[in-house]
Structure formats: C-alpha cells, structure tokens
Amino acid sequence: MNKVVDYLKHKQKGQGIVEYALLLAFVVGIAMMLNGANLGGAVKDTFDKVAAVLLGEKTYAQRYSEWKNSKNDAIRNAADNNERIKVDQEGLYELVKDLIGKTPEEVNTLLKTMNPTSSVNYVGPQGTTNESSKIQPIEYFDNYEDNDLVMLQYKQSGAAIEQMSGQSVDVVANNNAYQTTTTNRFFYSDDMLAEAGDNYNDTKRTVKTVLTYKDGVVESAHVWAETYKGNDRRTAEGLNLTVTSSGYTTTDYRDTSHGQPHL
C-alpha cells in the first residue's frame, strides 16, 4: 500500500487511481472472505499487485518467463541487483505462503505435492524450530563455465520451482535417480547467479525454511537462500525473510543447526 501512496505523490489523477485500487481490494477481499480466506491478507495482496502495476514492477512468474533461459551475465545486465533481489524475494514468498495457517498434517500434504515420493515427516513438534521442522525444497548447482545448464540436486526441486512460478521446468536430462539437468535459471540476484570459478563440484545454492507453530497451525515461516562454496556457507543478500499471513518482511533470523550461524 505504501508503494501506491508513493506513486501518487509523483503522478496526477491520483484520486481515480486510489479509487480503482480500493475497489479492487474490496471486491477481491470480499470474494476471498466468502471462500474462508484471510480478509486482511487478501486486501494486502491486492494492494501489492496494484502497486506493482503502477510502478511497472513484474512478478516472479513474469520474470521467470523472461529470464529462465538467459545466461548469468545477461540477467545481471538486464536489471539492477536491487530489482532482482525483489524478484527473488517474491519467489521465496510464493514458495511458502500457502503453508501459513496450516496444520502439520496439511503442511505434509502440501509439501508432498512438491515431493510426492518422499516419506519424510516435514514438521517437528508444535512450537519448535528444530532440525526436524526444517525443509529444504530447492538445491541446485550452476556451473559458470557451462553457462547454459543448471543441475538440480533433487528432482523434487523442480516441483518447488513450479510452485513458485506456476510454470514448468525445462528438463534437458534426468542424470540419475536424484539429479535433473535443466536450462532454467530460478533466481536472479547477484548472490544466486554463478560467478567465474563456480562449478558443479564445490558450489551450490539452496533454499531452506523453518516453520513456527502456534495453536496447532503454522504462524510464520522463516525462508532463506544460501550459497555454498567449499566450506563457505552464507545467506544470499536480501533473501532472508519472515512470512506471515500479512505478507513478508526481511529478517535477521539465523540457522544454527550446523553449529554456526549463516552470515
């Protein structure tokens, strides 16, 4: 909503635009409420979408369509890194937003849609954020020298990306029981794109989330992206989020499950 206000400060005919945004929020909010969804979240989502249109921003799904088959340096040259961080944040939000408000059983059902072959119980005891409640839906290797291909460490990562984008992943080859090679790029900010020297042997990028439960349902999800280069493990710039029913915010959440916080 703040984006709409900022836009109106610099544009004429603001009253008509505000009325249009409010009308959209009202109609979508009522429809969502009648379907049992959260009214506040529905209105916020609508304002965010209106703001994106007014400001010329594009959704993760739109950028995925444009950039998924682009090479790393071409993506870097296509937009400022702050814009690309925003796109990646939206992708992470899309990945976990449907888990908010769900029971452990419902969480398992949703996650098994992304990974139907898994027998893992994805949730730990209610109210905990321990290792057993951690989910790692995406892990991939991006070789800078082989600038056309990305290798998914787990084939179910492709289903997670389809959850984010609403679109398919272009499979080039099923390497073995676990790995899939694709021509797609999934994240677009600097830390998530391969650099000179990155290769399949020692460099990977992952997405992880830890769920926090309250009163039997997921209250929030901490979701973040990490880069690994040998023994160096760190959080990607800007990609450390807390997702609730109200949307998402950047956070300083730290994962200490490996004996050290990610930086």
C-alpha atoms as a PDB file:
ATOM      1  CA  MET A   1       0.000   0.000   0.000  1.00  0.00           C
ATOM      2  CA  ASN A   2       2.893   2.346   0.745  1.00  0.00           C
ATOM      3  CA  LYS A   3       4.033   1.891  -2.842  1.00  0.00           C
ATOM      4  CA  VAL A   4       0.677   3.117  -4.112  1.00  0.00           C
ATOM      5  CA  VAL A   5       0.931   6.223  -1.914  1.00  0.00           C
ATOM      6  CA  ASP A   6       4.495   6.905  -3.047  1.00  0.00           C
ATOM      7  CA  TYR A   7       3.426   6.574  -6.665  1.00  0.00           C
ATOM      8  CA  LEU A   8       0.557   9.001  -6.235  1.00  0.00           C
ATOM      9  CA  LYS A   9       2.884  11.645  -4.876  1.00  0.00           C
ATOM     10  CA  HIS A  10       4.525  11.793  -8.285  1.00  0.00           C
ATOM     11  CA  LYS A  11       1.559  11.260 -10.589  1.00  0.00           C
ATOM     12  CA  GLN A  12      -1.557  13.202 -11.488  1.00  0.00           C
ATOM     13  CA  LYS A  13      -5.107  11.869 -11.394  1.00  0.00           C
ATOM     14  CA  GLY A  14      -4.275  10.196  -8.109  1.00  0.00           C
ATOM     15  CA  GLN A  15      -7.836  10.155  -6.857  1.00  0.00           C
ATOM     16  CA  GLY A  16      -9.033   7.928  -9.692  1.00  0.00           C
ATOM     17  CA  ILE A  17      -6.173   5.505  -9.177  1.00  0.00           C
ATOM     18  CA  VAL A  18      -6.802   5.285  -5.435  1.00  0.00           C
ATOM     19  CA  GLU A  19     -10.490   4.631  -6.038  1.00  0.00           C
ATOM     20  CA  TYR A  20      -9.603   1.902  -8.534  1.00  0.00           C
ATOM     21  CA  ALA A  21      -7.186   0.253  -6.089  1.00  0.00           C
ATOM     22  CA  LEU A  22      -9.674   0.429  -3.232  1.00  0.00           C
ATOM     23  CA  LEU A  23     -12.410  -1.046  -5.400  1.00  0.00           C
ATOM     24  CA  LEU A  24     -10.159  -3.920  -6.441  1.00  0.00           C
ATOM     25  CA  ALA A  25      -9.144  -4.558  -2.840  1.00  0.00           C
ATOM     26  CA  PHE A  26     -12.772  -4.515  -1.704  1.00  0.00           C
ATOM     27  CA  VAL A  27     -14.029  -6.881  -4.407  1.00  0.00           C
ATOM     28  CA  VAL A  28     -11.149  -9.356  -4.067  1.00  0.00           C
ATOM     29  CA  GLY A  29     -11.241  -9.159  -0.275  1.00  0.00           C
ATOM     30  CA  ILE A  30     -14.953  -9.936  -0.119  1.00  0.00           C
ATOM     31  CA  ALA A  31     -14.540 -12.812  -2.556  1.00  0.00           C
ATOM     32  CA  MET A  32     -11.679 -14.253  -0.529  1.00  0.00           C
ATOM     33  CA  MET A  33     -13.595 -13.827   2.724  1.00  0.00           C
ATOM     34  CA  LEU A  34     -16.584 -15.688   1.300  1.00  0.00           C
ATOM     35  CA  ASN A  35     -14.208 -18.513   0.458  1.00  0.00           C
ATOM     36  CA  GLY A  36     -12.887 -18.625   4.024  1.00  0.00           C
ATOM     37  CA  ALA A  37      -9.590 -16.836   3.358  1.00  0.00           C
ATOM     38  CA  ASN A  38      -7.972 -14.137   5.464  1.00  0.00           C
ATOM     39  CA  LEU A  39      -9.507 -10.755   4.578  1.00  0.00           C
ATOM     40  CA  GLY A  40      -6.535  -8.660   5.643  1.00  0.00           C
ATOM     41  CA  GLY A  41      -4.162 -10.783   3.614  1.00  0.00           C
ATOM     42  CA  ALA A  42      -6.429 -10.636   0.575  1.00  0.00           C
ATOM     43  CA  VAL A  43      -6.608  -6.837   0.679  1.00  0.00           C
ATOM     44  CA  LYS A  44      -2.843  -6.514   1.167  1.00  0.00           C
ATOM     45  CA  ASP A  45      -2.126  -8.856  -1.732  1.00  0.00           C
ATOM     46  CA  THR A  46      -4.426  -6.808  -3.957  1.00  0.00           C
ATOM     47  CA  PHE A  47      -2.786  -3.516  -2.994  1.00  0.00           C
ATOM     48  CA  ASP A  48       0.638  -5.047  -3.650  1.00  0.00           C
ATOM     49  CA  LYS A  49      -0.443  -6.212  -7.111  1.00  0.00           C
ATOM     50  CA  VAL A  50      -1.928  -2.807  -7.944  1.00  0.00           C
ATOM     51  CA  ALA A  51       1.267  -1.116  -6.750  1.00  0.00           C
ATOM     52  CA  ALA A  52       3.355  -3.436  -8.913  1.00  0.00           C
ATOM     53  CA  VAL A  53       1.311  -2.497 -11.977  1.00  0.00           C
ATOM     54  CA  LEU A  54       1.513   1.226 -11.227  1.00  0.00           C
ATOM     55  CA  LEU A  55       5.259   1.119 -10.637  1.00  0.00           C
ATOM     56  CA  GLY A  56       5.993  -1.088 -13.618  1.00  0.00           C
ATOM     57  CA  GLU A  57       7.265  -3.931 -11.422  1.00  0.00           C
ATOM     58  CA  LYS A  58       6.942  -7.508 -12.589  1.00  0.00           C
ATOM     59  CA  THR A  59       6.059 -10.584 -10.592  1.00  0.00           C
ATOM     60  CA  TYR A  60       8.332 -13.553 -10.068  1.00  0.00           C
ATOM     61  CA  ALA A  61       6.296 -15.535 -12.606  1.00  0.00           C
ATOM     62  CA  GLN A  62       6.736 -12.799 -15.229  1.00  0.00           C
ATOM     63  CA  ARG A  63      10.479 -12.565 -14.662  1.00  0.00           C
ATOM     64  CA  TYR A  64      10.780 -16.338 -14.707  1.00  0.00           C
ATOM     65  CA  SER A  65       9.186 -16.342 -18.147  1.00  0.00           C
ATOM     66  CA  GLU A  66      11.619 -13.679 -19.355  1.00  0.00           C
ATOM     67  CA  TRP A  67      14.843 -14.795 -17.721  1.00  0.00           C
ATOM     68  CA  LYS A  68      14.657 -18.533 -17.108  1.00  0.00           C
ATOM     69  CA  ASN A  69      16.698 -19.395 -20.212  1.00  0.00           C
ATOM     70  CA  SER A  70      19.052 -16.412 -20.035  1.00  0.00           C
ATOM     71  CA  LYS A  71      22.717 -16.692 -19.206  1.00  0.00           C
ATOM     72  CA  ASN A  72      24.042 -15.374 -15.925  1.00  0.00           C
ATOM     73  CA  ASP A  73      25.721 -12.225 -17.231  1.00  0.00           C
ATOM     74  CA  ALA A  74      22.728 -11.367 -19.422  1.00  0.00           C
ATOM     75  CA  ILE A  75      20.498 -11.426 -16.338  1.00  0.00           C
ATOM     76  CA  ARG A  76      22.934  -9.216 -14.447  1.00  0.00           C
ATOM     77  CA  ASN A  77      22.839  -6.702 -17.292  1.00  0.00           C
ATOM     78  CA  ALA A  78      19.053  -6.812 -17.616  1.00  0.00           C
ATOM     79  CA  ALA A  79      18.209  -5.090 -14.327  1.00  0.00           C
ATOM     80  CA  ASP A  80      19.683  -3.502 -11.209  1.00  0.00           C
ATOM     81  CA  ASN A  81      20.523  -6.001  -8.460  1.00  0.00           C
ATOM     82  CA  ASN A  82      18.037  -4.444  -6.044  1.00  0.00           C
ATOM     83  CA  GLU A  83      15.272  -5.103  -8.557  1.00  0.00           C
ATOM     84  CA  ARG A  84      16.445  -8.673  -8.985  1.00  0.00           C
ATOM     85  CA  ILE A  85      16.582  -9.190  -5.207  1.00  0.00           C
ATOM     86  CA  LYS A  86      12.947  -8.076  -5.059  1.00  0.00           C
ATOM     87  CA  VAL A  87      12.034 -10.663  -7.706  1.00  0.00           C
ATOM     88  CA  ASP A  88      13.806 -13.397  -5.736  1.00  0.00           C
ATOM     89  CA  GLN A  89      12.037 -12.328  -2.536  1.00  0.00           C
ATOM     90  CA  GLU A  90       8.700 -12.644  -4.302  1.00  0.00           C
ATOM     91  CA  GLY A  91       9.672 -16.132  -5.437  1.00  0.00           C
ATOM     92  CA  LEU A  92      10.518 -17.235  -1.893  1.00  0.00           C
ATOM     93  CA  TYR A  93       7.224 -15.792  -0.673  1.00  0.00           C
ATOM     94  CA  GLU A  94       5.279 -17.692  -3.325  1.00  0.00           C
ATOM     95  CA  LEU A  95       7.048 -20.879  -2.270  1.00  0.00           C
ATOM     96  CA  VAL A  96       5.913 -20.845   1.374  1.00  0.00           C
ATOM     97  CA  LYS A  97       2.918 -18.527   1.670  1.00  0.00           C
ATOM     98  CA  ASP A  98       0.380 -21.359   1.370  1.00  0.00           C
ATOM     99  CA  LEU A  99       1.875 -23.049   4.452  1.00  0.00           C
ATOM    100  CA  ILE A 100       0.747 -20.234   6.761  1.00  0.00           C
ATOM    101  CA  GLY A 101      -2.265 -21.187   8.874  1.00  0.00           C
ATOM    102  CA  LYS A 102      -1.950 -24.886   8.040  1.00  0.00           C
ATOM    103  CA  THR A 103      -1.857 -27.776  10.497  1.00  0.00           C
ATOM    104  CA  PRO A 104       1.108 -30.186  10.481  1.00  0.00           C
ATOM    105  CA  GLU A 105      -0.968 -32.671   8.519  1.00  0.00           C
ATOM    106  CA  GLU A 106      -1.917 -30.038   5.945  1.00  0.00           C
ATOM    107  CA  VAL A 107       1.721 -28.954   5.690  1.00  0.00           C
ATOM    108  CA  ASN A 108       2.740 -32.508   4.923  1.00  0.00           C
ATOM    109  CA  THR A 109       0.055 -32.756   2.257  1.00  0.00           C
ATOM    110  CA  LEU A 110       1.164 -29.543   0.557  1.00  0.00           C
ATOM    111  CA  LEU A 111       4.845 -30.423   0.665  1.00  0.00           C
ATOM    112  CA  LYS A 112       4.289 -33.915  -0.616  1.00  0.00           C
ATOM    113  CA  THR A 113       2.605 -32.334  -3.623  1.00  0.00           C
ATOM    114  CA  MET A 114       6.027 -30.855  -4.363  1.00  0.00           C
ATOM    115  CA  ASN A 115       7.803 -34.075  -3.447  1.00  0.00           C
ATOM    116  CA  PRO A 116       5.351 -36.988  -3.834  1.00  0.00           C
ATOM    117  CA  THR A 117       7.993 -39.711  -3.466  1.00  0.00           C
ATOM    118  CA  SER A 118       9.217 -38.564  -0.047  1.00  0.00           C
ATOM    119  CA  SER A 119       8.325 -40.421   3.142  1.00  0.00           C
ATOM    120  CA  VAL A 120       9.734 -37.638   5.314  1.00  0.00           C
ATOM    121  CA  ASN A 121       7.572 -36.066   8.010  1.00  0.00           C
ATOM    122  CA  TYR A 122       8.378 -32.435   7.305  1.00  0.00           C
ATOM    123  CA  VAL A 123       7.241 -30.940  10.609  1.00  0.00           C
ATOM    124  CA  GLY A 124       8.698 -31.119  14.080  1.00  0.00           C
ATOM    125  CA  PRO A 125       6.861 -30.849  17.403  1.00  0.00           C
ATOM    126  CA  GLN A 126       4.406 -27.968  17.710  1.00  0.00           C
ATOM    127  CA  GLY A 127       6.065 -24.702  18.683  1.00  0.00           C
ATOM    128  CA  THR A 128       9.594 -25.791  17.789  1.00  0.00           C
ATOM    129  CA  THR A 129      12.030 -24.636  15.154  1.00  0.00           C
ATOM    130  CA  ASN A 130      14.397 -27.579  15.375  1.00  0.00           C
ATOM    131  CA  GLU A 131      16.128 -29.505  12.642  1.00  0.00           C
ATOM    132  CA  SER A 132      13.152 -31.822  12.106  1.00  0.00           C
ATOM    133  CA  SER A 133      10.957 -28.874  11.156  1.00  0.00           C
ATOM    134  CA  LYS A 134      13.391 -27.617   8.532  1.00  0.00           C
ATOM    135  CA  ILE A 135      12.505 -28.003   4.877  1.00  0.00           C
ATOM    136  CA  GLN A 136      14.996 -27.750   2.024  1.00  0.00           C
ATOM    137  CA  PRO A 137      12.838 -27.710  -1.111  1.00  0.00           C
ATOM    138  CA  ILE A 138      15.476 -26.445  -3.565  1.00  0.00           C
ATOM    139  CA  GLU A 139      19.144 -27.282  -4.093  1.00  0.00           C
ATOM    140  CA  TYR A 140      20.987 -26.735  -7.350  1.00  0.00           C
ATOM    141  CA  PHE A 141      24.401 -26.345  -8.939  1.00  0.00           C
ATOM    142  CA  ASP A 142      25.156 -23.666 -11.508  1.00  0.00           C
ATOM    143  CA  ASN A 143      28.418 -24.003 -13.439  1.00  0.00           C
ATOM    144  CA  TYR A 144      29.630 -20.623 -14.694  1.00  0.00           C
ATOM    145  CA  GLU A 145      31.725 -22.150 -17.465  1.00  0.00           C
ATOM    146  CA  ASP A 146      28.777 -24.209 -18.685  1.00  0.00           C
ATOM    147  CA  ASN A 147      26.526 -21.171 -18.881  1.00  0.00           C
ATOM    148  CA  ASP A 148      23.541 -22.929 -20.442  1.00  0.00           C
ATOM    149  CA  LEU A 149      22.868 -25.638 -17.866  1.00  0.00           C
ATOM    150  CA  VAL A 150      21.837 -25.917 -14.216  1.00  0.00           C
ATOM    151  CA  MET A 151      21.785 -29.195 -12.315  1.00  0.00           C
ATOM    152  CA  LEU A 152      19.049 -29.766  -9.719  1.00  0.00           C
ATOM    153  CA  GLN A 153      20.438 -31.888  -6.909  1.00  0.00           C
ATOM    154  CA  TYR A 154      16.970 -33.267  -6.168  1.00  0.00           C
ATOM    155  CA  LYS A 155      14.371 -33.812  -8.851  1.00  0.00           C
ATOM    156  CA  GLN A 156      11.651 -32.567  -6.474  1.00  0.00           C
ATOM    157  CA  SER A 157      13.323 -29.152  -6.585  1.00  0.00           C
ATOM    158  CA  GLY A 158      11.691 -28.746  -9.975  1.00  0.00           C
ATOM    159  CA  ALA A 159       8.257 -29.166  -8.391  1.00  0.00           C
ATOM    160  CA  ALA A 160       9.117 -26.487  -5.815  1.00  0.00           C
ATOM    161  CA  ILE A 161      10.087 -24.093  -8.597  1.00  0.00           C
ATOM    162  CA  GLU A 162       6.842 -24.842 -10.406  1.00  0.00           C
ATOM    163  CA  GLN A 163       5.071 -23.942  -7.144  1.00  0.00           C
ATOM    164  CA  MET A 164       6.851 -20.561  -7.156  1.00  0.00           C
ATOM    165  CA  SER A 165       6.291 -19.720 -10.797  1.00  0.00           C
ATOM    166  CA  GLY A 166       3.181 -21.613 -11.818  1.00  0.00           C
ATOM    167  CA  GLN A 167       5.203 -22.804 -14.824  1.00  0.00           C
ATOM    168  CA  SER A 168       7.118 -25.897 -15.813  1.00  0.00           C
ATOM    169  CA  VAL A 169      10.834 -26.552 -15.574  1.00  0.00           C
ATOM    170  CA  ASP A 170      12.548 -27.386 -18.851  1.00  0.00           C
ATOM    171  CA  VAL A 171      14.235 -30.742 -18.280  1.00  0.00           C
ATOM    172  CA  VAL A 172      17.227 -31.491 -20.501  1.00  0.00           C
ATOM    173  CA  ALA A 173      18.227 -34.802 -18.917  1.00  0.00           C
ATOM    174  CA  ASN A 174      17.475 -36.976 -15.906  1.00  0.00           C
ATOM    175  CA  ASN A 175      21.037 -37.598 -14.826  1.00  0.00           C
ATOM    176  CA  ASN A 176      20.303 -40.315 -12.261  1.00  0.00           C
ATOM    177  CA  ALA A 177      17.772 -41.190  -9.586  1.00  0.00           C
ATOM    178  CA  TYR A 178      18.228 -37.817  -7.887  1.00  0.00           C
ATOM    179  CA  GLN A 179      19.539 -35.237 -10.326  1.00  0.00           C
ATOM    180  CA  THR A 180      17.970 -33.384 -13.213  1.00  0.00           C
ATOM    181  CA  THR A 181      19.674 -31.034 -15.658  1.00  0.00           C
ATOM    182  CA  THR A 182      17.776 -28.013 -16.936  1.00  0.00           C
ATOM    183  CA  THR A 183      18.397 -24.858 -18.946  1.00  0.00           C
ATOM    184  CA  ASN A 184      16.450 -22.734 -16.454  1.00  0.00           C
ATOM    185  CA  ARG A 185      17.671 -20.068 -14.052  1.00  0.00           C
ATOM    186  CA  PHE A 186      15.497 -19.874 -10.922  1.00  0.00           C
ATOM    187  CA  PHE A 187      16.924 -16.914  -9.002  1.00  0.00           C
ATOM    188  CA  TYR A 188      18.274 -13.707 -10.421  1.00  0.00           C
ATOM    189  CA  SER A 189      20.074 -11.590  -7.815  1.00  0.00           C
ATOM    190  CA  ASP A 190      23.860 -11.453  -7.795  1.00  0.00           C
ATOM    191  CA  ASP A 191      24.460 -13.969  -5.000  1.00  0.00           C
ATOM    192  CA  MET A 192      22.227 -16.531  -6.683  1.00  0.00           C
ATOM    193  CA  LEU A 193      23.895 -16.385 -10.093  1.00  0.00           C
ATOM    194  CA  ALA A 194      27.054 -18.325 -10.861  1.00  0.00           C
ATOM    195  CA  GLU A 195      30.339 -16.426 -10.928  1.00  0.00           C
ATOM    196  CA  ALA A 196      33.659 -17.179 -12.569  1.00  0.00           C
ATOM    197  CA  GLY A 197      35.145 -20.181 -10.795  1.00  0.00           C
ATOM    198  CA  ASP A 198      31.806 -21.668  -9.730  1.00  0.00           C
ATOM    199  CA  ASN A 199      31.425 -25.293 -10.770  1.00  0.00           C
ATOM    200  CA  TYR A 200      29.320 -28.348 -10.096  1.00  0.00           C
ATOM    201  CA  ASN A 201      31.927 -29.889  -7.800  1.00  0.00           C
ATOM    202  CA  ASP A 202      32.048 -27.357  -4.973  1.00  0.00           C
ATOM    203  CA  THR A 203      29.401 -24.665  -5.434  1.00  0.00           C
ATOM    204  CA  LYS A 204      25.693 -24.968  -4.728  1.00  0.00           C
ATOM    205  CA  ARG A 205      22.706 -22.789  -3.879  1.00  0.00           C
ATOM    206  CA  THR A 206      19.856 -23.857  -1.650  1.00  0.00           C
ATOM    207  CA  VAL A 207      16.541 -22.603  -0.285  1.00  0.00           C
ATOM    208  CA  LYS A 208      15.519 -23.555   3.254  1.00  0.00           C
ATOM    209  CA  THR A 209      12.618 -22.793   5.542  1.00  0.00           C
ATOM    210  CA  VAL A 210      11.817 -23.366   9.198  1.00  0.00           C
ATOM    211  CA  LEU A 211       8.192 -23.308  10.329  1.00  0.00           C
ATOM    212  CA  THR A 212       6.967 -21.902  13.643  1.00  0.00           C
ATOM    213  CA  TYR A 213       3.682 -23.242  15.010  1.00  0.00           C
ATOM    214  CA  LYS A 214       1.171 -21.592  17.329  1.00  0.00           C
ATOM    215  CA  ASP A 215      -2.159 -23.048  18.452  1.00  0.00           C
ATOM    216  CA  GLY A 216      -1.682 -26.034  16.177  1.00  0.00           C
ATOM    217  CA  VAL A 217      -1.055 -24.176  12.915  1.00  0.00           C
ATOM    218  CA  VAL A 218       1.871 -22.521  11.163  1.00  0.00           C
ATOM    219  CA  GLU A 219       2.184 -18.955  12.436  1.00  0.00           C
ATOM    220  CA  SER A 220       5.254 -17.993  10.410  1.00  0.00           C
ATOM    221  CA  ALA A 221       7.874 -19.367   8.062  1.00  0.00           C
ATOM    222  CA  HIS A 222      11.474 -18.271   8.004  1.00  0.00           C
ATOM    223  CA  VAL A 223      12.679 -18.807   4.453  1.00  0.00           C
ATOM    224  CA  TRP A 224      16.116 -18.001   3.118  1.00  0.00           C
ATOM    225  CA  ALA A 225      18.565 -18.785   0.329  1.00  0.00           C
ATOM    226  CA  GLU A 226      22.143 -19.877   0.942  1.00  0.00           C
ATOM    227  CA  THR A 227      25.247 -20.186  -1.179  1.00  0.00           C
ATOM    228  CA  TYR A 228      27.908 -22.803  -0.549  1.00  0.00           C
ATOM    229  CA  LYS A 229      31.423 -22.547  -1.918  1.00  0.00           C
ATOM    230  CA  GLY A 230      33.504 -25.307  -0.458  1.00  0.00           C
ATOM    231  CA  ASN A 231      33.199 -24.790   3.303  1.00  0.00           C
ATOM    232  CA  ASP A 232      31.993 -21.200   2.975  1.00  0.00           C
ATOM    233  CA  ARG A 233      28.255 -21.013   3.683  1.00  0.00           C
ATOM    234  CA  ARG A 234      26.341 -17.736   3.757  1.00  0.00           C
ATOM    235  CA  THR A 235      22.905 -16.244   3.268  1.00  0.00           C
ATOM    236  CA  ALA A 236      22.267 -14.572  -0.074  1.00  0.00           C
ATOM    237  CA  GLU A 237      21.897 -10.810   0.125  1.00  0.00           C
ATOM    238  CA  GLY A 238      18.302  -9.760   0.825  1.00  0.00           C
ATOM    239  CA  LEU A 239      16.981 -13.318   0.758  1.00  0.00           C
ATOM    240  CA  ASN A 240      16.246 -13.915   4.434  1.00  0.00           C
ATOM    241  CA  LEU A 241      12.505 -13.496   5.003  1.00  0.00           C
ATOM    242  CA  THR A 242       9.825 -13.992   7.618  1.00  0.00           C
ATOM    243  CA  VAL A 243       6.483 -14.858   6.036  1.00  0.00           C
ATOM    244  CA  THR A 244       3.191 -14.486   7.931  1.00  0.00           C
ATOM    245  CA  SER A 245      -0.454 -14.118   6.983  1.00  0.00           C
ATOM    246  CA  SER A 246       0.219 -10.393   6.471  1.00  0.00           C
ATOM    247  CA  GLY A 247       2.913 -10.918   3.835  1.00  0.00           C
ATOM    248  CA  TYR A 248       6.688 -10.950   4.247  1.00  0.00           C
ATOM    249  CA  THR A 249       9.467  -8.879   5.769  1.00  0.00           C
ATOM    250  CA  THR A 250      13.230  -9.186   5.669  1.00  0.00           C
ATOM    251  CA  THR A 251      14.633 -10.697   8.857  1.00  0.00           C
ATOM    252  CA  ASP A 252      17.862 -11.414  10.716  1.00  0.00           C
ATOM    253  CA  TYR A 253      16.832 -14.992  11.517  1.00  0.00           C
ATOM    254  CA  ARG A 254      19.844 -17.283  11.894  1.00  0.00           C
ATOM    255  CA  ASP A 255      20.020 -21.032  11.339  1.00  0.00           C
ATOM    256  CA  THR A 256      22.391 -22.634  13.847  1.00  0.00           C
ATOM    257  CA  SER A 257      21.666 -26.270  13.084  1.00  0.00           C
ATOM    258  CA  HIS A 258      25.137 -26.828  11.599  1.00  0.00           C
ATOM    259  CA  GLY A 259      26.887 -25.462  14.668  1.00  0.00           C
ATOM    260  CA  GLN A 260      27.339 -21.983  13.232  1.00  0.00           C
ATOM    261  CA  PRO A 261      25.011 -19.214  12.151  1.00  0.00           C
ATOM    262  CA  HIS A 262      24.794 -18.372   8.489  1.00  0.00           C
ATOM    263  CA  LEU A 263      26.158 -14.893   7.854  1.00  0.00           C
END
